[in-house]
Each structure stands twice: as structure tokens, then as C-alpha cells.
Amino acid sequence: MKHTFAHFDIPADDVERARGFYTELFGWKFTSPPEFEGYWLIQTGDEGDLGGGLMKRQAPGQGPVNYVQVESVADYVVKLEGLGGQVTVPKTPVPGMGWFAHFVDTEGNPCALWETDVSAA
């Protein structure tokens, strides 16, 4: 498996303003699935292109997070901790889609893992 970026999240103080900005700047399309209240999916281009999400900022200083596709979030959590990284959000399900975990690398940079698994609950 290639460990490429699978998704990104952008926090915003004013979600409507941010949606307008990215729509005008890049032509991105936004949809808000009813099962994810307050979260907007971002379509950056054609089907299969890297996509992301936009949501209300949860905490001061919260910045964008990039998700890297892995075979197993659980296995990579062990691996990253062994290399000096630190988990900040443990393995968490996104029902019907997969699993994620957030971490900071050895330099303090935030990042996340993503495992596709439609049986996640």
C-alpha cells in the first residue's frame, strides 16, 4: 500500500466565510452529510481526487490536519510511538467508513492516520 495523503481537515472560526473563500479561490464544492452535523465534505476536483473536510474550530490554535492512509491504525500507532511520536486522539471509528487517530511527530507537527474499513462502528 502507498502511504499517501487520504484526507485533510480545515478548522474555521466562520465556516460560511471559509466555504465562500475556498469556493471562490479554488472552485471546491462542499456538501454537508446529515450524519455529520456541522461538518462539510470538500470535493477538490474529480471523483477520486484528494478530498477533505471543513468544520468549526474546536480549540484556539487548532490548525489543519492531514490524514495518511495506512493498513492498520492500531499497528501504526504502535510504530509511531516507538519512533518518538505521541498520540493525541486514540483510534476512533467513523461508522461505515473507517478509523483514524491523531498524533504529533517528533517535531511537534500534527498529523493523522486513516484506515478505510466499511465495517467500522
PDB file of N, CA and C in Angstrom:
ATOM      1  N   MET A   1       0.836  -1.183   0.000  1.00  0.00           N
ATOM      2  CA  MET A   1       0.000   0.000   0.000  1.00  0.00           C
ATOM      3  C   MET A   1       0.879   1.243   0.000  1.00  0.00           C
ATOM      4  N   LYS A   2       0.470   2.199  -0.804  1.00  0.00           N
ATOM      5  CA  LYS A   2       1.140   3.501  -0.760  1.00  0.00           C
ATOM      6  C   LYS A   2       0.582   4.272   0.423  1.00  0.00           C
ATOM      7  N   HIS A   3       1.451   4.902   1.168  1.00  0.00           N
ATOM      8  CA  HIS A   3       1.027   5.685   2.323  1.00  0.00           C
ATOM      9  C   HIS A   3       0.925   7.151   1.904  1.00  0.00           C
ATOM     10  N   THR A   4      -0.129   7.447   1.142  1.00  0.00           N
ATOM     11  CA  THR A   4      -0.351   8.787   0.621  1.00  0.00           C
ATOM     12  C   THR A   4      -1.368   9.519   1.486  1.00  0.00           C
ATOM     13  N   PHE A   5      -1.452  10.823   1.284  1.00  0.00           N
ATOM     14  CA  PHE A   5      -2.471  11.578   1.986  1.00  0.00           C
ATOM     15  C   PHE A   5      -3.831  11.120   1.488  1.00  0.00           C
ATOM     16  N   ALA A   6      -4.735  10.855   2.433  1.00  0.00           N
ATOM     17  CA  ALA A   6      -6.062  10.350   2.115  1.00  0.00           C
ATOM     18  C   ALA A   6      -7.148  11.399   2.330  1.00  0.00           C
ATOM     19  N   HIS A   7      -6.883  12.386   3.173  1.00  0.00           N
ATOM     20  CA  HIS A   7      -7.921  13.334   3.580  1.00  0.00           C
ATOM     21  C   HIS A   7      -7.244  14.487   4.322  1.00  0.00           C
ATOM     22  N   PHE A   8      -7.921  15.609   4.411  1.00  0.00           N
ATOM     23  CA  PHE A   8      -7.450  16.721   5.230  1.00  0.00           C
ATOM     24  C   PHE A   8      -8.649  17.377   5.903  1.00  0.00           C
ATOM     25  N   ASP A   9      -8.427  17.994   7.044  1.00  0.00           N
ATOM     26  CA  ASP A   9      -9.451  18.763   7.748  1.00  0.00           C
ATOM     27  C   ASP A   9      -8.971  20.193   7.933  1.00  0.00           C
ATOM     28  N   ILE A  10      -9.877  21.139   7.694  1.00  0.00           N
ATOM     29  CA  ILE A  10      -9.573  22.554   7.891  1.00  0.00           C
ATOM     30  C   ILE A  10     -10.542  23.106   8.928  1.00  0.00           C
ATOM     31  N   PRO A  11     -10.045  23.573  10.076  1.00  0.00           N
ATOM     32  CA  PRO A  11     -10.925  24.223  11.049  1.00  0.00           C
ATOM     33  C   PRO A  11     -11.130  25.691  10.672  1.00  0.00           C
ATOM     34  N   ALA A  12     -12.296  26.215  11.023  1.00  0.00           N
ATOM     35  CA  ALA A  12     -12.592  27.613  10.689  1.00  0.00           C
ATOM     36  C   ALA A  12     -13.352  28.277  11.824  1.00  0.00           C
ATOM     37  N   ASP A  13     -13.057  29.546  12.059  1.00  0.00           N
ATOM     38  CA  ASP A  13     -13.824  30.319  13.032  1.00  0.00           C
ATOM     39  C   ASP A  13     -15.201  30.651  12.466  1.00  0.00           C
ATOM     40  N   ASP A  14     -15.261  30.937  11.164  1.00  0.00           N
ATOM     41  CA  ASP A  14     -16.511  31.249  10.473  1.00  0.00           C
ATOM     42  C   ASP A  14     -16.601  30.306   9.278  1.00  0.00           C
ATOM     43  N   VAL A  15     -17.353  29.234   9.436  1.00  0.00           N
ATOM     44  CA  VAL A  15     -17.420  28.189   8.413  1.00  0.00           C
ATOM     45  C   VAL A  15     -17.980  28.725   7.093  1.00  0.00           C
ATOM     46  N   GLU A  16     -19.017  29.545   7.159  1.00  0.00           N
ATOM     47  CA  GLU A  16     -19.601  30.094   5.925  1.00  0.00           C
ATOM     48  C   GLU A  16     -18.585  30.962   5.178  1.00  0.00           C
ATOM     49  N   ARG A  17     -17.848  31.771   5.900  1.00  0.00           N
ATOM     50  CA  ARG A  17     -16.816  32.613   5.277  1.00  0.00           C
ATOM     51  C   ARG A  17     -15.752  31.741   4.629  1.00  0.00           C
ATOM     52  N   ALA A  18     -15.310  30.682   5.340  1.00  0.00           N
ATOM     53  CA  ALA A  18     -14.292  29.783   4.799  1.00  0.00           C
ATOM     54  C   ALA A  18     -14.798  29.042   3.558  1.00  0.00           C
ATOM     55  N   ARG A  19     -16.044  28.585   3.600  1.00  0.00           N
ATOM     56  CA  ARG A  19     -16.621  27.922   2.422  1.00  0.00           C
ATOM     57  C   ARG A  19     -16.593  28.851   1.221  1.00  0.00           C
ATOM     58  N   GLY A  20     -17.023  30.103   1.433  1.00  0.00           N
ATOM     59  CA  GLY A  20     -17.019  31.073   0.342  1.00  0.00           C
ATOM     60  C   GLY A  20     -15.617  31.327  -0.192  1.00  0.00           C
ATOM     61  N   PHE A  21     -14.658  31.443   0.710  1.00  0.00           N
ATOM     62  CA  PHE A  21     -13.268  31.683   0.334  1.00  0.00           C
ATOM     63  C   PHE A  21     -12.745  30.563  -0.567  1.00  0.00           C
ATOM     64  N   TYR A  22     -12.876  29.306  -0.115  1.00  0.00           N
ATOM     65  CA  TYR A  22     -12.325  28.184  -0.878  1.00  0.00           C
ATOM     66  C   TYR A  22     -13.109  27.899  -2.162  1.00  0.00           C
ATOM     67  N   THR A  23     -14.403  28.210  -2.151  1.00  0.00           N
ATOM     68  CA  THR A  23     -15.189  28.060  -3.377  1.00  0.00           C
ATOM     69  C   THR A  23     -14.710  29.050  -4.426  1.00  0.00           C
ATOM     70  N   GLU A  24     -14.547  30.307  -4.022  1.00  0.00           N
ATOM     71  CA  GLU A  24     -14.091  31.338  -4.962  1.00  0.00           C
ATOM     72  C   GLU A  24     -12.638  31.136  -5.380  1.00  0.00           C
ATOM     73  N   LEU A  25     -11.788  30.762  -4.436  1.00  0.00           N
ATOM     74  CA  LEU A  25     -10.361  30.627  -4.717  1.00  0.00           C
ATOM     75  C   LEU A  25     -10.052  29.426  -5.606  1.00  0.00           C
ATOM     76  N   PHE A  26     -10.582  28.254  -5.253  1.00  0.00           N
ATOM     77  CA  PHE A  26     -10.220  27.019  -5.952  1.00  0.00           C
ATOM     78  C   PHE A  26     -11.376  26.338  -6.677  1.00  0.00           C
ATOM     79  N   GLY A  27     -12.603  26.796  -6.472  1.00  0.00           N
ATOM     80  CA  GLY A  27     -13.749  26.134  -7.080  1.00  0.00           C
ATOM     81  C   GLY A  27     -14.149  24.844  -6.365  1.00  0.00           C
ATOM     82  N   TRP A  28     -13.703  24.683  -5.109  1.00  0.00           N
ATOM     83  CA  TRP A  28     -14.044  23.483  -4.358  1.00  0.00           C
ATOM     84  C   TRP A  28     -15.548  23.449  -4.108  1.00  0.00           C
ATOM     85  N   LYS A  29     -16.091  22.216  -4.053  1.00  0.00           N
ATOM     86  CA  LYS A  29     -17.516  22.017  -3.781  1.00  0.00           C
ATOM     87  C   LYS A  29     -17.668  21.459  -2.369  1.00  0.00           C
ATOM     88  N   PHE A  30     -18.719  21.891  -1.672  1.00  0.00           N
ATOM     89  CA  PHE A  30     -18.956  21.494  -0.280  1.00  0.00           C
ATOM     90  C   PHE A  30     -20.321  20.826  -0.156  1.00  0.00           C
ATOM     91  N   THR A  31     -20.364  19.727   0.585  1.00  0.00           N
ATOM     92  CA  THR A  31     -21.627  19.072   0.922  1.00  0.00           C
ATOM     93  C   THR A  31     -21.616  18.754   2.409  1.00  0.00           C
ATOM     94  N   SER A  32     -22.793  18.817   3.016  1.00  0.00           N
ATOM     95  CA  SER A  32     -22.899  18.551   4.447  1.00  0.00           C
ATOM     96  C   SER A  32     -23.783  17.324   4.658  1.00  0.00           C
ATOM     97  N   PRO A  33     -23.169  16.146   4.841  1.00  0.00           N
ATOM     98  CA  PRO A  33     -23.970  14.944   5.055  1.00  0.00           C
ATOM     99  C   PRO A  33     -24.736  15.023   6.374  1.00  0.00           C
ATOM    100  N   PRO A  34     -26.003  14.607   6.397  1.00  0.00           N
ATOM    101  CA  PRO A  34     -26.806  14.721   7.619  1.00  0.00           C
ATOM    102  C   PRO A  34     -26.236  13.957   8.810  1.00  0.00           C
ATOM    103  N   GLU A  35     -25.492  12.897   8.566  1.00  0.00           N
ATOM    104  CA  GLU A  35     -24.928  12.117   9.679  1.00  0.00           C
ATOM    105  C   GLU A  35     -23.711  12.784  10.316  1.00  0.00           C
ATOM    106  N   PHE A  36     -23.190  13.862   9.716  1.00  0.00           N
ATOM    107  CA  PHE A  36     -22.039  14.584  10.256  1.00  0.00           C
ATOM    108  C   PHE A  36     -22.406  16.053  10.446  1.00  0.00           C
ATOM    109  N   GLU A  37     -23.292  16.337  11.382  1.00  0.00           N
ATOM    110  CA  GLU A  37     -23.771  17.696  11.615  1.00  0.00           C
ATOM    111  C   GLU A  37     -22.609  18.655  11.887  1.00  0.00           C
ATOM    112  N   GLY A  38     -22.616  19.773  11.179  1.00  0.00           N
ATOM    113  CA  GLY A  38     -21.584  20.784  11.376  1.00  0.00           C
ATOM    114  C   GLY A  38     -20.275  20.493  10.648  1.00  0.00           C
ATOM    115  N   TYR A  39     -20.266  19.445   9.830  1.00  0.00           N
ATOM    116  CA  TYR A  39     -19.049  19.053   9.104  1.00  0.00           C
ATOM    117  C   TYR A  39     -19.357  19.102   7.614  1.00  0.00           C
ATOM    118  N   TRP A  40     -18.513  19.767   6.876  1.00  0.00           N
ATOM    119  CA  TRP A  40     -18.691  19.894   5.432  1.00  0.00           C
ATOM    120  C   TRP A  40     -17.625  19.084   4.708  1.00  0.00           C
ATOM    121  N   LEU A  41     -18.033  18.167   3.837  1.00  0.00           N
ATOM    122  CA  LEU A  41     -17.078  17.446   2.992  1.00  0.00           C
ATOM    123  C   LEU A  41     -16.643  18.363   1.860  1.00  0.00           C
ATOM    124  N   ILE A  42     -15.365  18.293   1.526  1.00  0.00           N
ATOM    125  CA  ILE A  42     -14.801  19.132   0.468  1.00  0.00           C
ATOM    126  C   ILE A  42     -14.424  18.248  -0.704  1.00  0.00           C
ATOM    127  N   GLN A  43     -14.956  18.574  -1.880  1.00  0.00           N
ATOM    128  CA  GLN A  43     -14.554  17.913  -3.127  1.00  0.00           C
ATOM    129  C   GLN A  43     -13.630  18.879  -3.852  1.00  0.00           C
ATOM    130  N   THR A  44     -12.348  18.499  -3.957  1.00  0.00           N
ATOM    131  CA  THR A  44     -11.354  19.406  -4.531  1.00  0.00           C
ATOM    132  C   THR A  44     -11.243  19.296  -6.047  1.00  0.00           C
ATOM    133  N   GLY A  45     -11.812  18.260  -6.623  1.00  0.00           N
ATOM    134  CA  GLY A  45     -11.723  18.067  -8.068  1.00  0.00           C
ATOM    135  C   GLY A  45     -12.616  16.930  -8.498  1.00  0.00           C
ATOM    136  N   ASP A  46     -12.070  16.065  -9.346  1.00  0.00           N
ATOM    137  CA  ASP A  46     -12.820  14.926  -9.866  1.00  0.00           C
ATOM    138  C   ASP A  46     -12.954  13.833  -8.823  1.00  0.00           C
ATOM    139  N   GLU A  47     -13.888  12.919  -9.061  1.00  0.00           N
ATOM    140  CA  GLU A  47     -14.049  11.735  -8.207  1.00  0.00           C
ATOM    141  C   GLU A  47     -12.695  11.041  -8.072  1.00  0.00           C
ATOM    142  N   GLY A  48     -12.315  10.710  -6.839  1.00  0.00           N
ATOM    143  CA  GLY A  48     -11.034  10.046  -6.603  1.00  0.00           C
ATOM    144  C   GLY A  48      -9.898  10.989  -6.256  1.00  0.00           C
ATOM    145  N   ASP A  49     -10.075  12.304  -6.504  1.00  0.00           N
ATOM    146  CA  ASP A  49      -9.054  13.272  -6.101  1.00  0.00           C
ATOM    147  C   ASP A  49      -9.085  13.431  -4.577  1.00  0.00           C
ATOM    148  N   LEU A  50      -7.987  13.874  -4.007  1.00  0.00           N
ATOM    149  CA  LEU A  50      -7.913  14.109  -2.572  1.00  0.00           C
ATOM    150  C   LEU A  50      -9.038  15.054  -2.150  1.00  0.00           C
ATOM    151  N   GLY A  51      -9.741  14.673  -1.093  1.00  0.00           N
ATOM    152  CA  GLY A  51     -10.809  15.495  -0.558  1.00  0.00           C
ATOM    153  C   GLY A  51     -10.561  15.773   0.904  1.00  0.00           C
ATOM    154  N   GLY A  52     -11.436  16.572   1.486  1.00  0.00           N
ATOM    155  CA  GLY A  52     -11.234  16.924   2.880  1.00  0.00           C
ATOM    156  C   GLY A  52     -12.516  17.292   3.560  1.00  0.00           C
ATOM    157  N   GLY A  53     -12.357  17.992   4.667  1.00  0.00           N
ATOM    158  CA  GLY A  53     -13.489  18.428   5.455  1.00  0.00           C
ATOM    159  C   GLY A  53     -13.253  19.794   6.050  1.00  0.00           C
ATOM    160  N   LEU A  54     -14.345  20.477   6.352  1.00  0.00           N
ATOM    161  CA  LEU A  54     -14.314  21.802   6.957  1.00  0.00           C
ATOM    162  C   LEU A  54     -15.256  21.774   8.144  1.00  0.00           C
ATOM    163  N   MET A  55     -14.799  22.278   9.288  1.00  0.00           N
ATOM    164  CA  MET A  55     -15.637  22.311  10.483  1.00  0.00           C
ATOM    165  C   MET A  55     -15.294  23.507  11.340  1.00  0.00           C
ATOM    166  N   LYS A  56     -16.184  23.800  12.288  1.00  0.00           N
ATOM    167  CA  LYS A  56     -15.944  24.877  13.249  1.00  0.00           C
ATOM    168  C   LYS A  56     -14.704  24.550  14.078  1.00  0.00           C
ATOM    169  N   ARG A  57     -13.854  25.528  14.279  1.00  0.00           N
ATOM    170  CA  ARG A  57     -12.644  25.345  15.084  1.00  0.00           C
ATOM    171  C   ARG A  57     -13.041  24.893  16.494  1.00  0.00           C
ATOM    172  N   GLN A  58     -12.403  23.829  16.983  1.00  0.00           N
ATOM    173  CA  GLN A  58     -12.725  23.237  18.275  1.00  0.00           C
ATOM    174  C   GLN A  58     -11.941  23.850  19.438  1.00  0.00           C
ATOM    175  N   ALA A  59     -10.766  24.400  19.147  1.00  0.00           N
ATOM    176  CA  ALA A  59      -9.917  24.953  20.207  1.00  0.00           C
ATOM    177  C   ALA A  59      -9.015  26.039  19.618  1.00  0.00           C
ATOM    178  N   PRO A  60      -8.634  27.032  20.422  1.00  0.00           N
ATOM    179  CA  PRO A  60      -7.714  28.058  19.930  1.00  0.00           C
ATOM    180  C   PRO A  60      -6.424  27.420  19.407  1.00  0.00           C
ATOM    181  N   GLY A  61      -5.953  27.917  18.297  1.00  0.00           N
ATOM    182  CA  GLY A  61      -4.708  27.403  17.739  1.00  0.00           C
ATOM    183  C   GLY A  61      -4.860  26.136  16.920  1.00  0.00           C
ATOM    184  N   GLN A  62      -6.078  25.568  16.843  1.00  0.00           N
ATOM    185  CA  GLN A  62      -6.284  24.351  16.044  1.00  0.00           C
ATOM    186  C   GLN A  62      -6.038  24.666  14.579  1.00  0.00           C
ATOM    187  N   GLY A  63      -5.190  23.882  13.950  1.00  0.00           N
ATOM    188  CA  GLY A  63      -4.869  24.087  12.548  1.00  0.00           C
ATOM    189  C   GLY A  63      -5.282  22.900  11.702  1.00  0.00           C
ATOM    190  N   PRO A  64      -4.983  22.951  10.407  1.00  0.00           N
ATOM    191  CA  PRO A  64      -5.317  21.849   9.514  1.00  0.00           C
ATOM    192  C   PRO A  64      -4.613  20.547   9.927  1.00  0.00           C
ATOM    193  N   VAL A  65      -5.249  19.435   9.624  1.00  0.00           N
ATOM    194  CA  VAL A  65      -4.681  18.120   9.898  1.00  0.00           C
ATOM    195  C   VAL A  65      -4.728  17.301   8.614  1.00  0.00           C
ATOM    196  N   ASN A  66      -3.614  16.676   8.268  1.00  0.00           N
ATOM    197  CA  ASN A  66      -3.528  15.795   7.105  1.00  0.00           C
ATOM    198  C   ASN A  66      -3.585  14.337   7.562  1.00  0.00           C
ATOM    199  N   TYR A  67      -4.357  13.524   6.849  1.00  0.00           N
ATOM    200  CA  TYR A  67      -4.536  12.109   7.173  1.00  0.00           C
ATOM    201  C   TYR A  67      -3.772  11.267   6.165  1.00  0.00           C
ATOM    202  N   VAL A  68      -2.961  10.322   6.664  1.00  0.00           N
ATOM    203  CA  VAL A  68      -2.182   9.430   5.809  1.00  0.00           C
ATOM    204  C   VAL A  68      -2.827   8.047   5.839  1.00  0.00           C
ATOM    205  N   GLN A  69      -3.056   7.477   4.658  1.00  0.00           N
ATOM    206  CA  GLN A  69      -3.662   6.145   4.520  1.00  0.00           C
ATOM    207  C   GLN A  69      -2.677   5.080   5.001  1.00  0.00           C
ATOM    208  N   VAL A  70      -3.151   4.191   5.889  1.00  0.00           N
ATOM    209  CA  VAL A  70      -2.337   3.073   6.384  1.00  0.00           C
ATOM    210  C   VAL A  70      -3.171   1.805   6.368  1.00  0.00           C
ATOM    211  N   GLU A  71      -2.494   0.679   6.490  1.00  0.00           N
ATOM    212  CA  GLU A  71      -3.175  -0.610   6.508  1.00  0.00           C
ATOM    213  C   GLU A  71      -3.921  -0.839   7.820  1.00  0.00           C
ATOM    214  N   SER A  72      -3.341  -0.385   8.925  1.00  0.00           N
ATOM    215  CA  SER A  72      -3.918  -0.604  10.249  1.00  0.00           C
ATOM    216  C   SER A  72      -3.560   0.560  11.166  1.00  0.00           C
ATOM    217  N   VAL A  73      -4.557   1.296  11.609  1.00  0.00           N
ATOM    218  CA  VAL A  73      -4.305   2.393  12.542  1.00  0.00           C
ATOM    219  C   VAL A  73      -3.646   1.860  13.806  1.00  0.00           C
ATOM    220  N   ALA A  74      -4.148   0.745  14.319  1.00  0.00           N
ATOM    221  CA  ALA A  74      -3.592   0.177  15.563  1.00  0.00           C
ATOM    222  C   ALA A  74      -2.107  -0.133  15.413  1.00  0.00           C
ATOM    223  N   ASP A  75      -1.715  -0.759  14.306  1.00  0.00           N
ATOM    224  CA  ASP A  75      -0.305  -1.100  14.086  1.00  0.00           C
ATOM    225  C   ASP A  75       0.564   0.147  13.956  1.00  0.00           C
ATOM    226  N   TYR A  76       0.054   1.163  13.263  1.00  0.00           N
ATOM    227  CA  TYR A  76       0.852   2.365  13.049  1.00  0.00           C
ATOM    228  C   TYR A  76       0.941   3.236  14.301  1.00  0.00           C
ATOM    229  N   VAL A  77      -0.055   3.152  15.183  1.00  0.00           N
ATOM    230  CA  VAL A  77       0.044   3.848  16.467  1.00  0.00           C
ATOM    231  C   VAL A  77       1.229   3.287  17.256  1.00  0.00           C
ATOM    232  N   VAL A  78       1.346   1.964  17.287  1.00  0.00           N
ATOM    233  CA  VAL A  78       2.473   1.330  17.984  1.00  0.00           C
ATOM    234  C   VAL A  78       3.790   1.766  17.344  1.00  0.00           C
ATOM    235  N   LYS A  79       3.824   1.749  16.015  1.00  0.00           N
ATOM    236  CA  LYS A  79       5.047   2.109  15.288  1.00  0.00           C
ATOM    237  C   LYS A  79       5.445   3.566  15.545  1.00  0.00           C
ATOM    238  N   LEU A  80       4.489   4.477  15.464  1.00  0.00           N
ATOM    239  CA  LEU A  80       4.839   5.899  15.630  1.00  0.00           C
ATOM    240  C   LEU A  80       5.264   6.198  17.057  1.00  0.00           C
ATOM    241  N   GLU A  81       4.640   5.537  18.040  1.00  0.00           N
ATOM    242  CA  GLU A  81       5.064   5.751  19.429  1.00  0.00           C
ATOM    243  C   GLU A  81       6.475   5.212  19.646  1.00  0.00           C
ATOM    244  N   GLY A  82       6.818   4.108  19.010  1.00  0.00           N
ATOM    245  CA  GLY A  82       8.164   3.553  19.112  1.00  0.00           C
ATOM    246  C   GLY A  82       9.220   4.451  18.489  1.00  0.00           C
ATOM    247  N   LEU A  83       8.785   5.292  17.541  1.00  0.00           N
ATOM    248  CA  LEU A  83       9.708   6.215  16.877  1.00  0.00           C
ATOM    249  C   LEU A  83       9.749   7.585  17.551  1.00  0.00           C
ATOM    250  N   GLY A  84       9.006   7.754  18.649  1.00  0.00           N
ATOM    251  CA  GLY A  84       9.027   9.016  19.380  1.00  0.00           C
ATOM    252  C   GLY A  84       7.849   9.930  19.136  1.00  0.00           C
ATOM    253  N   GLY A  85       6.877   9.507  18.311  1.00  0.00           N
ATOM    254  CA  GLY A  85       5.659  10.294  18.105  1.00  0.00           C
ATOM    255  C   GLY A  85       4.736  10.118  19.296  1.00  0.00           C
ATOM    256  N   GLN A  86       3.707  10.968  19.368  1.00  0.00           N
ATOM    257  CA  GLN A  86       2.794  10.941  20.506  1.00  0.00           C
ATOM    258  C   GLN A  86       1.348  11.004  20.001  1.00  0.00           C
ATOM    259  N   VAL A  87       0.540  10.044  20.411  1.00  0.00           N
ATOM    260  CA  VAL A  87      -0.873  10.010  20.027  1.00  0.00           C
ATOM    261  C   VAL A  87      -1.628  11.088  20.799  1.00  0.00           C
ATOM    262  N   THR A  88      -2.428  11.887  20.089  1.00  0.00           N
ATOM    263  CA  THR A  88      -3.219  12.934  20.729  1.00  0.00           C
ATOM    264  C   THR A  88      -4.717  12.616  20.699  1.00  0.00           C
ATOM    265  N   VAL A  89      -5.150  11.806  19.733  1.00  0.00           N
ATOM    266  CA  VAL A  89      -6.519  11.285  19.674  1.00  0.00           C
ATOM    267  C   VAL A  89      -6.377   9.802  19.362  1.00  0.00           C
ATOM    268  N   PRO A  90      -6.859   8.925  20.257  1.00  0.00           N
ATOM    269  CA  PRO A  90      -6.694   7.491  20.032  1.00  0.00           C
ATOM    270  C   PRO A  90      -7.525   6.985  18.851  1.00  0.00           C
ATOM    271  N   LYS A  91      -7.303   5.744  18.467  1.00  0.00           N
ATOM    272  CA  LYS A  91      -8.044   5.110  17.375  1.00  0.00           C
ATOM    273  C   LYS A  91      -9.542   5.318  17.596  1.00  0.00           C
ATOM    274  N   THR A  92     -10.190   5.921  16.595  1.00  0.00           N
ATOM    275  CA  THR A  92     -11.588   6.317  16.692  1.00  0.00           C
ATOM    276  C   THR A  92     -12.326   5.892  15.429  1.00  0.00           C
ATOM    277  N   PRO A  93     -13.534   5.318  15.566  1.00  0.00           N
ATOM    278  CA  PRO A  93     -14.265   4.909  14.369  1.00  0.00           C
ATOM    279  C   PRO A  93     -15.012   6.062  13.715  1.00  0.00           C
ATOM    280  N   VAL A  94     -15.129   5.987  12.403  1.00  0.00           N
ATOM    281  CA  VAL A  94     -16.078   6.784  11.632  1.00  0.00           C
ATOM    282  C   VAL A  94     -17.006   5.736  11.030  1.00  0.00           C
ATOM    283  N   PRO A  95     -18.176   5.514  11.633  1.00  0.00           N
ATOM    284  CA  PRO A  95     -19.037   4.400  11.249  1.00  0.00           C
ATOM    285  C   PRO A  95     -19.280   4.295   9.745  1.00  0.00           C
ATOM    286  N   GLY A  96     -19.057   3.083   9.244  1.00  0.00           N
ATOM    287  CA  GLY A  96     -19.269   2.804   7.835  1.00  0.00           C
ATOM    288  C   GLY A  96     -18.169   3.290   6.915  1.00  0.00           C
ATOM    289  N   MET A  97     -17.131   3.932   7.469  1.00  0.00           N
ATOM    290  CA  MET A  97     -16.066   4.486   6.627  1.00  0.00           C
ATOM    291  C   MET A  97     -14.679   3.979   7.017  1.00  0.00           C
ATOM    292  N   GLY A  98     -14.339   4.034   8.310  1.00  0.00           N
ATOM    293  CA  GLY A  98     -13.000   3.615   8.710  1.00  0.00           C
ATOM    294  C   GLY A  98     -12.633   4.091  10.096  1.00  0.00           C
ATOM    295  N   TRP A  99     -11.328   4.152  10.324  1.00  0.00           N
ATOM    296  CA  TRP A  99     -10.762   4.506  11.630  1.00  0.00           C
ATOM    297  C   TRP A  99      -9.716   5.601  11.458  1.00  0.00           C
ATOM    298  N   PHE A 100      -9.558   6.436  12.487  1.00  0.00           N
ATOM    299  CA  PHE A 100      -8.488   7.431  12.468  1.00  0.00           C
ATOM    300  C   PHE A 100      -7.871   7.552  13.854  1.00  0.00           C
ATOM    301  N   ALA A 101      -6.682   8.115  13.889  1.00  0.00           N
ATOM    302  CA  ALA A 101      -6.014   8.514  15.122  1.00  0.00           C
ATOM    303  C   ALA A 101      -5.176   9.741  14.795  1.00  0.00           C
ATOM    304  N   HIS A 102      -5.114  10.692  15.710  1.00  0.00           N
ATOM    305  CA  HIS A 102      -4.273  11.882  15.533  1.00  0.00           C
ATOM    306  C   HIS A 102      -2.990  11.701  16.341  1.00  0.00           C
ATOM    307  N   PHE A 103      -1.912  12.307  15.850  1.00  0.00           N
ATOM    308  CA  PHE A 103      -0.636  12.250  16.559  1.00  0.00           C
ATOM    309  C   PHE A 103       0.178  13.491  16.253  1.00  0.00           C
ATOM    310  N   VAL A 104       1.216  13.692  17.038  1.00  0.00           N
ATOM    311  CA  VAL A 104       2.232  14.691  16.704  1.00  0.00           C
ATOM    312  C   VAL A 104       3.531  13.942  16.459  1.00  0.00           C
ATOM    313  N   ASP A 105       4.283  14.417  15.478  1.00  0.00           N
ATOM    314  CA  ASP A 105       5.557  13.767  15.156  1.00  0.00           C
ATOM    315  C   ASP A 105       6.638  14.227  16.141  1.00  0.00           C
ATOM    316  N   THR A 106       7.859  13.818  15.907  1.00  0.00           N
ATOM    317  CA  THR A 106       8.963  14.152  16.815  1.00  0.00           C
ATOM    318  C   THR A 106       9.279  15.649  16.837  1.00  0.00           C
ATOM    319  N   GLU A 107       8.743  16.398  15.850  1.00  0.00           N
ATOM    320  CA  GLU A 107       8.987  17.845  15.790  1.00  0.00           C
ATOM    321  C   GLU A 107       7.790  18.647  16.257  1.00  0.00           C
ATOM    322  N   GLY A 108       6.753  17.960  16.763  1.00  0.00           N
ATOM    323  CA  GLY A 108       5.566  18.640  17.262  1.00  0.00           C
ATOM    324  C   GLY A 108       4.518  18.958  16.209  1.00  0.00           C
ATOM    325  N   ASN A 109       4.685  18.418  14.998  1.00  0.00           N
ATOM    326  CA  ASN A 109       3.727  18.675  13.923  1.00  0.00           C
ATOM    327  C   ASN A 109       2.536  17.729  14.024  1.00  0.00           C
ATOM    328  N   PRO A 110       1.304  18.259  13.911  1.00  0.00           N
ATOM    329  CA  PRO A 110       0.138  17.392  13.957  1.00  0.00           C
ATOM    330  C   PRO A 110      -0.043  16.635  12.646  1.00  0.00           C
ATOM    331  N   CYS A 111      -0.538  15.419  12.753  1.00  0.00           N
ATOM    332  CA  CYS A 111      -0.832  14.595  11.589  1.00  0.00           C
ATOM    333  C   CYS A 111      -1.858  13.555  12.038  1.00  0.00           C
ATOM    334  N   ALA A 112      -2.345  12.752  11.118  1.00  0.00           N
ATOM    335  CA  ALA A 112      -3.336  11.733  11.470  1.00  0.00           C
ATOM    336  C   ALA A 112      -3.160  10.516  10.582  1.00  0.00           C
ATOM    337  N   LEU A 113      -3.657   9.385  11.089  1.00  0.00           N
ATOM    338  CA  LEU A 113      -3.665   8.130  10.351  1.00  0.00           C
ATOM    339  C   LEU A 113      -5.098   7.855   9.920  1.00  0.00           C
ATOM    340  N   TRP A 114      -5.259   7.211   8.767  1.00  0.00           N
ATOM    341  CA  TRP A 114      -6.582   6.818   8.282  1.00  0.00           C
ATOM    342  C   TRP A 114      -6.536   5.392   7.768  1.00  0.00           C
ATOM    343  N   GLU A 115      -7.476   4.558   8.224  1.00  0.00           N
ATOM    344  CA  GLU A 115      -7.637   3.182   7.763  1.00  0.00           C
ATOM    345  C   GLU A 115      -9.045   3.038   7.224  1.00  0.00           C
ATOM    346  N   THR A 116      -9.192   2.742   5.952  1.00  0.00           N
ATOM    347  CA  THR A 116     -10.513   2.522   5.358  1.00  0.00           C
ATOM    348  C   THR A 116     -11.036   1.170   5.818  1.00  0.00           C
ATOM    349  N   ASP A 117     -12.250   1.156   6.351  1.00  0.00           N
ATOM    350  CA  ASP A 117     -12.873  -0.076   6.837  1.00  0.00           C
ATOM    351  C   ASP A 117     -14.378   0.186   6.949  1.00  0.00           C
ATOM    352  N   VAL A 118     -15.154  -0.275   5.956  1.00  0.00           N
ATOM    353  CA  VAL A 118     -16.594  -0.008   5.954  1.00  0.00           C
ATOM    354  C   VAL A 118     -17.313  -0.682   7.115  1.00  0.00           C
ATOM    355  N   SER A 119     -16.658  -1.633   7.800  1.00  0.00           N
ATOM    356  CA  SER A 119     -17.294  -2.288   8.948  1.00  0.00           C
ATOM    357  C   SER A 119     -17.032  -1.548  10.266  1.00  0.00           C
ATOM    358  N   ALA A 120     -16.324  -0.426  10.221  1.00  0.00           N
ATOM    359  CA  ALA A 120     -16.048   0.345  11.442  1.00  0.00           C
ATOM    360  C   ALA A 120     -17.369   0.794  12.072  1.00  0.00           C
ATOM    361  N   ALA A 121     -17.412   0.680  13.378  1.00  0.00           N
ATOM    362  CA  ALA A 121     -18.641   1.099  14.082  1.00  0.00           C
ATOM    363  C   ALA A 121     -18.288   1.741  15.408  1.00  0.00           C
TER     364      ALA A 121
END
